[in-house]
PDB file of N, CA and C in Angstrom:
ATOM      1  N   MET A   1       1.193 -25.724 -30.715  1.00  0.00           N
ATOM      2  CA  MET A   1       1.865 -25.242 -28.568  1.00  0.00           C
ATOM      3  C   MET A   1       1.363 -24.076 -28.459  1.00  0.00           C
ATOM      4  N   THR A   2       0.188 -23.958 -27.567  1.00  0.00           N
ATOM      5  CA  THR A   2       0.376 -22.262 -26.558  1.00  0.00           C
ATOM      6  C   THR A   2       1.721 -21.617 -26.412  1.00  0.00           C
ATOM      7  N   ASN A   3       0.920 -20.282 -26.619  1.00  0.00           N
ATOM      8  CA  ASN A   3       2.305 -19.173 -26.591  1.00  0.00           C
ATOM      9  C   ASN A   3       1.654 -18.619 -24.814  1.00  0.00           C
ATOM     10  N   LYS A   4       1.037 -19.229 -24.212  1.00  0.00           N
ATOM     11  CA  LYS A   4       0.081 -18.753 -23.053  1.00  0.00           C
ATOM     12  C   LYS A   4       1.673 -17.930 -22.530  1.00  0.00           C
ATOM     13  N   ILE A   5       1.388 -17.239 -21.640  1.00  0.00           N
ATOM     14  CA  ILE A   5       2.261 -16.744 -20.730  1.00  0.00           C
ATOM     15  C   ILE A   5       1.568 -15.383 -19.692  1.00  0.00           C
ATOM     16  N   GLU A   6       1.287 -15.882 -18.428  1.00  0.00           N
ATOM     17  CA  GLU A   6      -0.256 -14.880 -18.134  1.00  0.00           C
ATOM     18  C   GLU A   6       1.101 -14.032 -16.160  1.00  0.00           C
ATOM     19  N   PHE A   7       0.852 -12.907 -16.420  1.00  0.00           N
ATOM     20  CA  PHE A   7       1.319 -12.456 -15.426  1.00  0.00           C
ATOM     21  C   PHE A   7       0.366 -12.059 -14.912  1.00  0.00           C
ATOM     22  N   THR A   8       0.513 -11.598 -13.443  1.00  0.00           N
ATOM     23  CA  THR A   8      -0.134 -11.507 -12.093  1.00  0.00           C
ATOM     24  C   THR A   8       0.454  -9.904 -12.217  1.00  0.00           C
ATOM     25  N   GLU A   9      -1.059  -9.006 -11.126  1.00  0.00           N
ATOM     26  CA  GLU A   9      -1.172  -7.877 -11.400  1.00  0.00           C
ATOM     27  C   GLU A   9       0.241  -7.104 -10.329  1.00  0.00           C
ATOM     28  N   THR A  10       1.259  -7.670  -9.617  1.00  0.00           N
ATOM     29  CA  THR A  10       1.826  -7.343  -8.981  1.00  0.00           C
ATOM     30  C   THR A  10       3.353  -7.614 -10.036  1.00  0.00           C
ATOM     31  N   ALA A  11       3.064  -8.789 -10.743  1.00  0.00           N
ATOM     32  CA  ALA A  11       4.609  -8.393 -11.914  1.00  0.00           C
ATOM     33  C   ALA A  11       4.254  -7.346 -13.018  1.00  0.00           C
ATOM     34  N   ARG A  12       3.070  -6.961 -13.118  1.00  0.00           N
ATOM     35  CA  ARG A  12       2.968  -5.947 -14.194  1.00  0.00           C
ATOM     36  C   ARG A  12       2.984  -4.960 -13.467  1.00  0.00           C
ATOM     37  N   LYS A  13       2.353  -4.849 -12.826  1.00  0.00           N
ATOM     38  CA  LYS A  13       3.110  -2.971 -11.558  1.00  0.00           C
ATOM     39  C   LYS A  13       4.378  -3.488 -11.479  1.00  0.00           C
ATOM     40  N   GLU A  14       5.581  -4.283 -11.663  1.00  0.00           N
ATOM     41  CA  GLU A  14       6.692  -4.086 -10.956  1.00  0.00           C
ATOM     42  C   GLU A  14       7.678  -3.651 -12.469  1.00  0.00           C
ATOM     43  N   ILE A  15       7.290  -4.331 -13.658  1.00  0.00           N
ATOM     44  CA  ILE A  15       7.530  -3.816 -15.354  1.00  0.00           C
ATOM     45  C   ILE A  15       7.430  -2.526 -15.195  1.00  0.00           C
ATOM     46  N   GLU A  16       5.607  -2.626 -15.373  1.00  0.00           N
ATOM     47  CA  GLU A  16       5.419  -1.013 -15.263  1.00  0.00           C
ATOM     48  C   GLU A  16       6.752   0.497 -14.863  1.00  0.00           C
ATOM     49  N   ARG A  17       6.855  -0.571 -13.167  1.00  0.00           N
ATOM     50  CA  ARG A  17       7.547   0.710 -12.572  1.00  0.00           C
ATOM     51  C   ARG A  17       8.916   1.035 -12.643  1.00  0.00           C
ATOM     52  N   ILE A  18       9.792  -0.423 -12.901  1.00  0.00           N
ATOM     53  CA  ILE A  18      11.110   0.210 -13.743  1.00  0.00           C
ATOM     54  C   ILE A  18      10.736   0.394 -14.987  1.00  0.00           C
ATOM     55  N   ILE A  19      10.334  -0.117 -16.074  1.00  0.00           N
ATOM     56  CA  ILE A  19      10.845   0.573 -17.062  1.00  0.00           C
ATOM     57  C   ILE A  19      10.449   2.048 -16.713  1.00  0.00           C
ATOM     58  N   SER A  20       9.256   3.064 -16.678  1.00  0.00           N
ATOM     59  CA  SER A  20       9.109   3.657 -16.792  1.00  0.00           C
ATOM     60  C   SER A  20      10.180   4.606 -15.580  1.00  0.00           C
ATOM     61  N   GLU A  21      11.010   3.843 -14.730  1.00  0.00           N
ATOM     62  CA  GLU A  21      12.371   4.334 -14.015  1.00  0.00           C
ATOM     63  C   GLU A  21      13.629   4.544 -15.598  1.00  0.00           C
ATOM     64  N   LYS A  22      13.818   3.943 -16.195  1.00  0.00           N
ATOM     65  CA  LYS A  22      14.835   3.931 -17.871  1.00  0.00           C
ATOM     66  C   LYS A  22      14.537   4.378 -18.416  1.00  0.00           C
ATOM     67  N   SER A  23      13.611   3.473 -19.590  1.00  0.00           N
ATOM     68  CA  SER A  23      13.244   4.709 -20.823  1.00  0.00           C
ATOM     69  C   SER A  23      11.967   4.140 -20.922  1.00  0.00           C
ATOM     70  N   LYS A  24      11.315   5.340 -22.293  1.00  0.00           N
ATOM     71  CA  LYS A  24       9.755   4.243 -22.766  1.00  0.00           C
ATOM     72  C   LYS A  24      10.048   3.318 -23.504  1.00  0.00           C
ATOM     73  N   LYS A  25      11.086   3.256 -23.804  1.00  0.00           N
ATOM     74  CA  LYS A  25      11.455   2.791 -25.315  1.00  0.00           C
ATOM     75  C   LYS A  25      12.089   1.040 -24.250  1.00  0.00           C
ATOM     76  N   THR A  26      11.882   0.861 -23.320  1.00  0.00           N
ATOM     77  CA  THR A  26      13.047  -0.184 -22.805  1.00  0.00           C
ATOM     78  C   THR A  26      11.458  -1.748 -22.185  1.00  0.00           C
ATOM     79  N   TYR A  27      12.389  -2.885 -23.131  1.00  0.00           N
ATOM     80  CA  TYR A  27      11.401  -4.052 -22.525  1.00  0.00           C
ATOM     81  C   TYR A  27      11.886  -4.473 -21.437  1.00  0.00           C
ATOM     82  N   PHE A  28      11.390  -6.130 -20.745  1.00  0.00           N
ATOM     83  CA  PHE A  28      11.865  -6.569 -19.958  1.00  0.00           C
ATOM     84  C   PHE A  28      11.791  -7.596 -20.765  1.00  0.00           C
ATOM     85  N   ARG A  29      13.181  -8.297 -20.577  1.00  0.00           N
ATOM     86  CA  ARG A  29      12.849  -9.546 -21.602  1.00  0.00           C
ATOM     87  C   ARG A  29      13.576 -10.512 -20.352  1.00  0.00           C
ATOM     88  N   ILE A  30      12.400 -12.002 -20.989  1.00  0.00           N
ATOM     89  CA  ILE A  30      12.600 -12.427 -19.721  1.00  0.00           C
ATOM     90  C   ILE A  30      13.220 -14.119 -20.883  1.00  0.00           C
ATOM     91  N   SER A  31      14.851 -14.809 -20.513  1.00  0.00           N
ATOM     92  CA  SER A  31      14.609 -15.632 -21.272  1.00  0.00           C
ATOM     93  C   SER A  31      15.386 -16.631 -20.891  1.00  0.00           C
ATOM     94  N   VAL A  32      15.526 -18.204 -21.020  1.00  0.00           N
ATOM     95  CA  VAL A  32      15.918 -19.106 -20.096  1.00  0.00           C
ATOM     96  C   VAL A  32      17.719 -19.858 -21.268  1.00  0.00           C
ATOM     97  N   LYS A  33      18.547 -19.253 -20.136  1.00  0.00           N
ATOM     98  CA  LYS A  33      19.516 -20.413 -20.477  1.00  0.00           C
ATOM     99  C   LYS A  33      20.106 -21.907 -19.668  1.00  0.00           C
ATOM    100  N   GLY A  34      20.572 -22.061 -20.734  1.00  0.00           N
ATOM    101  CA  GLY A  34      21.273 -23.263 -20.421  1.00  0.00           C
ATOM    102  C   GLY A  34      22.558 -22.755 -18.279  1.00  0.00           C
ATOM    103  N   GLY A  35      22.240 -23.362 -17.701  1.00  0.00           N
ATOM    104  CA  GLY A  35      22.929 -23.942 -16.309  1.00  0.00           C
ATOM    105  C   GLY A  35      22.599 -23.469 -15.750  1.00  0.00           C
ATOM    106  N   GLY A  36      22.473 -23.209 -14.624  1.00  0.00           N
ATOM    107  CA  GLY A  36      21.948 -23.774 -12.762  1.00  0.00           C
ATOM    108  C   GLY A  36      22.525 -24.867 -12.535  1.00  0.00           C
ATOM    109  N   CYS A  37      22.093 -25.355 -11.325  1.00  0.00           N
ATOM    110  CA  CYS A  37      22.451 -26.701 -10.568  1.00  0.00           C
ATOM    111  C   CYS A  37      21.173 -27.046 -11.044  1.00  0.00           C
ATOM    112  N   SER A  38      20.426 -27.227 -11.757  1.00  0.00           N
ATOM    113  CA  SER A  38      18.705 -28.396 -12.287  1.00  0.00           C
ATOM    114  C   SER A  38      19.211 -28.389 -14.004  1.00  0.00           C
ATOM    115  N   GLY A  39      19.882 -27.520 -14.376  1.00  0.00           N
ATOM    116  CA  GLY A  39      20.133 -27.941 -16.125  1.00  0.00           C
ATOM    117  C   GLY A  39      19.505 -26.348 -17.217  1.00  0.00           C
ATOM    118  N   PHE A  40      18.836 -25.627 -16.294  1.00  0.00           N
ATOM    119  CA  PHE A  40      18.002 -24.441 -17.141  1.00  0.00           C
ATOM    120  C   PHE A  40      17.967 -23.471 -16.213  1.00  0.00           C
ATOM    121  N   LYS A  41      18.429 -22.219 -16.436  1.00  0.00           N
ATOM    122  CA  LYS A  41      17.814 -21.098 -15.250  1.00  0.00           C
ATOM    123  C   LYS A  41      16.767 -19.870 -16.161  1.00  0.00           C
ATOM    124  N   TYR A  42      16.405 -19.201 -14.908  1.00  0.00           N
ATOM    125  CA  TYR A  42      15.575 -17.216 -15.701  1.00  0.00           C
ATOM    126  C   TYR A  42      16.716 -16.491 -15.608  1.00  0.00           C
ATOM    127  N   ASN A  43      16.694 -16.217 -16.775  1.00  0.00           N
ATOM    128  CA  ASN A  43      17.533 -14.168 -16.776  1.00  0.00           C
ATOM    129  C   ASN A  43      16.221 -13.782 -16.751  1.00  0.00           C
ATOM    130  N   PHE A  44      16.206 -12.448 -16.440  1.00  0.00           N
ATOM    131  CA  PHE A  44      15.853 -11.066 -16.273  1.00  0.00           C
ATOM    132  C   PHE A  44      16.588 -10.236 -16.509  1.00  0.00           C
ATOM    133  N   SER A  45      16.344  -9.069 -17.979  1.00  0.00           N
ATOM    134  CA  SER A  45      17.007  -8.802 -18.319  1.00  0.00           C
ATOM    135  C   SER A  45      16.241  -7.289 -18.406  1.00  0.00           C
ATOM    136  N   PHE A  46      16.461  -6.061 -19.389  1.00  0.00           N
ATOM    137  CA  PHE A  46      16.699  -5.261 -19.968  1.00  0.00           C
ATOM    138  C   PHE A  46      16.094  -5.168 -21.323  1.00  0.00           C
ATOM    139  N   ASP A  47      15.367  -4.562 -22.404  1.00  0.00           N
ATOM    140  CA  ASP A  47      16.375  -4.288 -23.596  1.00  0.00           C
ATOM    141  C   ASP A  47      15.945  -3.683 -24.758  1.00  0.00           C
ATOM    142  N   ASP A  48      16.006  -3.271 -25.657  1.00  0.00           N
ATOM    143  CA  ASP A  48      15.852  -1.516 -26.405  1.00  0.00           C
ATOM    144  C   ASP A  48      15.241  -2.244 -27.514  1.00  0.00           C
ATOM    145  N   LYS A  49      16.003  -3.404 -28.026  1.00  0.00           N
ATOM    146  CA  LYS A  49      15.625  -3.998 -29.412  1.00  0.00           C
ATOM    147  C   LYS A  49      15.082  -5.018 -29.019  1.00  0.00           C
ATOM    148  N   ILE A  50      13.987  -4.880 -30.177  1.00  0.00           N
ATOM    149  CA  ILE A  50      12.777  -6.237 -30.845  1.00  0.00           C
ATOM    150  C   ILE A  50      13.509  -7.384 -31.630  1.00  0.00           C
ATOM    151  N   LYS A  51      13.664  -8.650 -31.085  1.00  0.00           N
ATOM    152  CA  LYS A  51      14.404  -9.535 -32.715  1.00  0.00           C
ATOM    153  C   LYS A  51      13.137  -9.451 -33.027  1.00  0.00           C
ATOM    154  N   PRO A  52      13.520 -10.886 -34.220  1.00  0.00           N
ATOM    155  CA  PRO A  52      12.354 -10.891 -35.184  1.00  0.00           C
ATOM    156  C   PRO A  52      11.739 -12.142 -34.388  1.00  0.00           C
ATOM    157  N   GLU A  53      12.491 -12.975 -33.516  1.00  0.00           N
ATOM    158  CA  GLU A  53      12.358 -14.799 -33.232  1.00  0.00           C
ATOM    159  C   GLU A  53      11.567 -13.687 -31.503  1.00  0.00           C
ATOM    160  N   ASP A  54      11.536 -12.646 -31.680  1.00  0.00           N
ATOM    161  CA  ASP A  54      10.452 -12.521 -30.685  1.00  0.00           C
ATOM    162  C   ASP A  54       9.462 -12.377 -30.476  1.00  0.00           C
ATOM    163  N   LYS A  55       8.694 -12.279 -29.146  1.00  0.00           N
ATOM    164  CA  LYS A  55       6.986 -12.439 -28.776  1.00  0.00           C
ATOM    165  C   LYS A  55       6.359 -11.372 -27.840  1.00  0.00           C
ATOM    166  N   ILE A  56       6.625 -10.307 -28.382  1.00  0.00           N
ATOM    167  CA  ILE A  56       5.969  -9.690 -27.375  1.00  0.00           C
ATOM    168  C   ILE A  56       4.849  -9.440 -26.160  1.00  0.00           C
ATOM    169  N   PHE A  57       4.223  -9.368 -24.660  1.00  0.00           N
ATOM    170  CA  PHE A  57       4.021  -9.863 -24.461  1.00  0.00           C
ATOM    171  C   PHE A  57       3.806  -8.139 -23.063  1.00  0.00           C
ATOM    172  N   GLU A  58       2.819  -7.403 -23.983  1.00  0.00           N
ATOM    173  CA  GLU A  58       2.604  -5.507 -23.267  1.00  0.00           C
ATOM    174  C   GLU A  58       3.803  -5.503 -23.344  1.00  0.00           C
ATOM    175  N   LYS A  59       4.968  -4.964 -21.774  1.00  0.00           N
ATOM    176  CA  LYS A  59       6.113  -4.428 -21.926  1.00  0.00           C
ATOM    177  C   LYS A  59       7.415  -5.728 -21.692  1.00  0.00           C
ATOM    178  N   THR A  60       6.872  -7.399 -21.710  1.00  0.00           N
ATOM    179  CA  THR A  60       7.764  -7.931 -22.037  1.00  0.00           C
ATOM    180  C   THR A  60       8.193  -8.530 -22.960  1.00  0.00           C
ATOM    181  N   ILE A  61       9.853  -9.091 -23.626  1.00  0.00           N
ATOM    182  CA  ILE A  61       9.774  -9.654 -24.787  1.00  0.00           C
ATOM    183  C   ILE A  61      10.860 -10.989 -24.244  1.00  0.00           C
ATOM    184  N   ILE A  62      10.308 -12.477 -25.358  1.00  0.00           N
ATOM    185  CA  ILE A  62      10.282 -13.418 -25.108  1.00  0.00           C
ATOM    186  C   ILE A  62      10.525 -14.127 -25.894  1.00  0.00           C
ATOM    187  N   ASP A  63      12.439 -14.469 -26.576  1.00  0.00           N
ATOM    188  CA  ASP A  63      12.525 -15.352 -27.516  1.00  0.00           C
ATOM    189  C   ASP A  63      11.828 -16.341 -27.386  1.00  0.00           C
ATOM    190  N   ASN A  64      11.886 -16.880 -28.994  1.00  0.00           N
ATOM    191  CA  ASN A  64      10.880 -17.915 -29.199  1.00  0.00           C
ATOM    192  C   ASN A  64      10.854 -19.238 -28.392  1.00  0.00           C
ATOM    193  N   SER A  65      13.095 -19.633 -28.554  1.00  0.00           N
ATOM    194  CA  SER A  65      13.423 -21.390 -27.601  1.00  0.00           C
ATOM    195  C   SER A  65      12.266 -20.613 -26.630  1.00  0.00           C
ATOM    196  N   SER A  66      12.872 -19.499 -25.729  1.00  0.00           N
ATOM    197  CA  SER A  66      12.532 -19.316 -23.780  1.00  0.00           C
ATOM    198  C   SER A  66      11.133 -19.611 -23.958  1.00  0.00           C
ATOM    199  N   LEU A  67      10.172 -19.299 -25.231  1.00  0.00           N
ATOM    200  CA  LEU A  67       8.694 -19.468 -24.834  1.00  0.00           C
ATOM    201  C   LEU A  67       8.537 -20.935 -25.165  1.00  0.00           C
ATOM    202  N   LYS A  68       9.456 -21.488 -25.539  1.00  0.00           N
ATOM    203  CA  LYS A  68       9.105 -23.107 -26.159  1.00  0.00           C
ATOM    204  C   LYS A  68       8.973 -23.689 -24.561  1.00  0.00           C
ATOM    205  N   ILE A  69       9.528 -23.088 -23.680  1.00  0.00           N
ATOM    206  CA  ILE A  69      10.351 -23.749 -22.378  1.00  0.00           C
ATOM    207  C   ILE A  69       9.683 -23.296 -20.996  1.00  0.00           C
ATOM    208  N   ILE A  70       8.466 -22.098 -21.604  1.00  0.00           N
ATOM    209  CA  ILE A  70       8.086 -21.875 -20.310  1.00  0.00           C
ATOM    210  C   ILE A  70       6.657 -21.717 -20.435  1.00  0.00           C
ATOM    211  N   SER A  71       6.093 -21.603 -22.027  1.00  0.00           N
ATOM    212  CA  SER A  71       4.825 -21.172 -22.405  1.00  0.00           C
ATOM    213  C   SER A  71       4.370 -21.872 -21.137  1.00  0.00           C
ATOM    214  N   GLY A  72       3.125 -20.995 -21.122  1.00  0.00           N
ATOM    215  CA  GLY A  72       1.971 -22.201 -19.939  1.00  0.00           C
ATOM    216  C   GLY A  72       2.306 -21.805 -18.452  1.00  0.00           C
ATOM    217  N   SER A  73       3.416 -21.002 -18.259  1.00  0.00           N
ATOM    218  CA  SER A  73       3.809 -20.407 -16.991  1.00  0.00           C
ATOM    219  C   SER A  73       3.614 -19.313 -16.319  1.00  0.00           C
ATOM    220  N   ILE A  74       2.789 -18.823 -15.414  1.00  0.00           N
ATOM    221  CA  ILE A  74       2.986 -17.719 -14.783  1.00  0.00           C
ATOM    222  C   ILE A  74       3.966 -16.998 -14.246  1.00  0.00           C
ATOM    223  N   VAL A  75       3.683 -15.746 -13.957  1.00  0.00           N
ATOM    224  CA  VAL A  75       5.695 -14.708 -13.934  1.00  0.00           C
ATOM    225  C   VAL A  75       4.474 -14.149 -13.321  1.00  0.00           C
ATOM    226  N   ASP A  76       5.250 -13.568 -11.409  1.00  0.00           N
ATOM    227  CA  ASP A  76       5.009 -13.040 -10.557  1.00  0.00           C
ATOM    228  C   ASP A  76       6.092 -11.851  -9.778  1.00  0.00           C
ATOM    229  N   PHE A  77       5.803 -11.129  -8.687  1.00  0.00           N
ATOM    230  CA  PHE A  77       7.353 -10.794  -8.445  1.00  0.00           C
ATOM    231  C   PHE A  77       6.666 -10.772  -6.729  1.00  0.00           C
ATOM    232  N   LYS A  78       7.977 -11.014  -5.946  1.00  0.00           N
ATOM    233  CA  LYS A  78       7.610 -11.397  -4.501  1.00  0.00           C
ATOM    234  C   LYS A  78       8.499 -10.848  -3.830  1.00  0.00           C
ATOM    235  N   LYS A  79       7.513 -10.148  -2.706  1.00  0.00           N
ATOM    236  CA  LYS A  79       8.308  -8.899  -1.569  1.00  0.00           C
ATOM    237  C   LYS A  79       8.952  -9.879  -0.811  1.00  0.00           C
ATOM    238  N   GLU A  80      10.177 -10.260  -0.034  1.00  0.00           N
ATOM    239  CA  GLU A  80      10.832 -10.884   1.388  1.00  0.00           C
ATOM    240  C   GLU A  80      11.648 -10.527   1.693  1.00  0.00           C
ATOM    241  N   LEU A  81      11.185 -10.860   2.939  1.00  0.00           N
ATOM    242  CA  LEU A  81      12.324 -10.367   3.984  1.00  0.00           C
ATOM    243  C   LEU A  81      14.084 -10.730   3.083  1.00  0.00           C
ATOM    244  N   ILE A  82      13.899 -12.259   2.209  1.00  0.00           N
ATOM    245  CA  ILE A  82      15.275 -12.246   1.739  1.00  0.00           C
ATOM    246  C   ILE A  82      15.517 -11.415   0.548  1.00  0.00           C
ATOM    247  N   GLY A  83      14.632 -10.448  -0.184  1.00  0.00           N
ATOM    248  CA  GLY A  83      14.877  -9.657  -1.320  1.00  0.00           C
ATOM    249  C   GLY A  83      13.310  -9.575  -1.725  1.00  0.00           C
ATOM    250  N   ASN A  84      13.630  -9.517  -3.243  1.00  0.00           N
ATOM    251  CA  ASN A  84      12.582  -8.423  -4.035  1.00  0.00           C
ATOM    252  C   ASN A  84      12.655  -9.643  -5.021  1.00  0.00           C
ATOM    253  N   SER A  85      11.914 -10.491  -6.282  1.00  0.00           N
ATOM    254  CA  SER A  85      12.864 -11.304  -7.017  1.00  0.00           C
ATOM    255  C   SER A  85      11.190 -11.547  -7.702  1.00  0.00           C
ATOM    256  N   PHE A  86      11.343 -11.698  -9.360  1.00  0.00           N
ATOM    257  CA  PHE A  86      10.642 -12.600 -10.090  1.00  0.00           C
ATOM    258  C   PHE A  86      10.540 -13.470 -10.629  1.00  0.00           C
ATOM    259  N   VAL A  87       9.316 -14.050 -10.489  1.00  0.00           N
ATOM    260  CA  VAL A  87       9.265 -16.179 -10.199  1.00  0.00           C
ATOM    261  C   VAL A  87       8.375 -15.868 -11.417  1.00  0.00           C
ATOM    262  N   ILE A  88       8.832 -17.611 -11.225  1.00  0.00           N
ATOM    263  CA  ILE A  88       7.870 -18.029 -12.476  1.00  0.00           C
ATOM    264  C   ILE A  88       7.422 -19.817 -12.322  1.00  0.00           C
ATOM    265  N   ASN A  89       5.902 -19.674 -12.520  1.00  0.00           N
ATOM    266  CA  ASN A  89       5.043 -20.928 -12.317  1.00  0.00           C
ATOM    267  C   ASN A  89       4.973 -21.277 -13.246  1.00  0.00           C
ATOM    268  N   ASN A  90       6.786 -22.582 -13.142  1.00  0.00           N
ATOM    269  CA  ASN A  90       6.460 -22.591 -15.066  1.00  0.00           C
ATOM    270  C   ASN A  90       5.751 -24.790 -15.159  1.00  0.00           C
ATOM    271  N   PRO A  91       4.687 -25.048 -14.902  1.00  0.00           N
ATOM    272  CA  PRO A  91       3.962 -26.233 -15.446  1.00  0.00           C
ATOM    273  C   PRO A  91       4.723 -27.023 -15.730  1.00  0.00           C
ATOM    274  N   LYS A  92       5.706 -26.561 -17.171  1.00  0.00           N
ATOM    275  CA  LYS A  92       6.811 -27.898 -17.455  1.00  0.00           C
ATOM    276  C   LYS A  92       8.105 -28.262 -16.397  1.00  0.00           C
ATOM    277  N   ALA A  93       8.381 -27.375 -15.397  1.00  0.00           N
ATOM    278  CA  ALA A  93       9.721 -27.732 -14.819  1.00  0.00           C
ATOM    279  C   ALA A  93       9.013 -28.879 -14.163  1.00  0.00           C
ATOM    280  N   SER A  94      10.141 -30.062 -14.044  1.00  0.00           N
ATOM    281  CA  SER A  94       9.629 -31.276 -13.439  1.00  0.00           C
ATOM    282  C   SER A  94      10.156 -31.280 -12.449  1.00  0.00           C
ATOM    283  N   SER A  95      11.942 -30.354 -11.793  1.00  0.00           N
ATOM    284  CA  SER A  95      12.246 -29.906 -10.469  1.00  0.00           C
ATOM    285  C   SER A  95      12.806 -28.711 -11.346  1.00  0.00           C
ATOM    286  N   SER A  96      13.044 -28.419  -9.185  1.00  0.00           N
ATOM    287  CA  SER A  96      14.102 -26.741  -9.678  1.00  0.00           C
ATOM    288  C   SER A  96      14.876 -26.780  -8.279  1.00  0.00           C
ATOM    289  N   CYS A  97      15.562 -26.217  -9.052  1.00  0.00           N
ATOM    290  CA  CYS A  97      16.446 -25.759  -7.289  1.00  0.00           C
ATOM    291  C   CYS A  97      15.829 -25.431  -5.875  1.00  0.00           C
ATOM    292  N   GLY A  98      16.635 -25.184  -4.969  1.00  0.00           N
ATOM    293  CA  GLY A  98      16.707 -24.150  -4.204  1.00  0.00           C
ATOM    294  C   GLY A  98      16.005 -22.892  -4.292  1.00  0.00           C
ATOM    295  N   CYS A  99      16.394 -22.041  -4.909  1.00  0.00           N
ATOM    296  CA  CYS A  99      16.790 -20.523  -4.783  1.00  0.00           C
ATOM    297  C   CYS A  99      15.170 -20.663  -5.799  1.00  0.00           C
ATOM    298  N   GLY A 100      14.833 -21.122  -6.651  1.00  0.00           N
ATOM    299  CA  GLY A 100      13.457 -20.867  -7.838  1.00  0.00           C
ATOM    300  C   GLY A 100      14.444 -20.800  -8.919  1.00  0.00           C
ATOM    301  N   LEU A 101      15.398 -19.743  -9.073  1.00  0.00           N
ATOM    302  CA  LEU A 101      15.602 -19.942 -10.389  1.00  0.00           C
ATOM    303  C   LEU A 101      16.573 -20.386 -11.833  1.00  0.00           C
ATOM    304  N   SER A 102      16.079 -22.384 -10.939  1.00  0.00           N
ATOM    305  CA  SER A 102      17.444 -22.625 -11.674  1.00  0.00           C
ATOM    306  C   SER A 102      16.038 -24.820 -11.976  1.00  0.00           C
ATOM    307  N   PHE A 103      16.222 -24.678 -13.214  1.00  0.00           N
ATOM    308  CA  PHE A 103      15.248 -25.985 -13.290  1.00  0.00           C
ATOM    309  C   PHE A 103      15.744 -26.922 -14.146  1.00  0.00           C
ATOM    310  N   SER A 104      14.093 -27.779 -14.349  1.00  0.00           N
ATOM    311  CA  SER A 104      14.572 -28.451 -15.333  1.00  0.00           C
ATOM    312  C   SER A 104      13.315 -29.086 -15.542  1.00  0.00           C
ATOM    313  N   VAL A 105      13.833 -29.607 -16.969  1.00  0.00           N
ATOM    314  CA  VAL A 105      12.478 -30.155 -17.932  1.00  0.00           C
ATOM    315  C   VAL A 105      12.165 -31.436 -18.450  1.00  0.00           C
TER     316      VAL A 105
END
């Protein structure tokens, strides 16, 4: 299994910007939770604690369970008229809802 996650330059810069406003010891956490209209949903949060099951990608941490679902993905940050948001292009997602936050594998 590959544990590869790519971050676009736009996503990297936004993560750095947000973290610099919070604390140098803060990490951006990406996780996958059950729920949403398609079965799973992405959760973006901040955490100052690294757990034993976490993998670190620069300033981002992802737990092993979530990483199994999103490995091979590209994380991007989009600025649109309806708002700004992180977007995950997950090749394992077989379908997703209209908002792009909920998906199934």
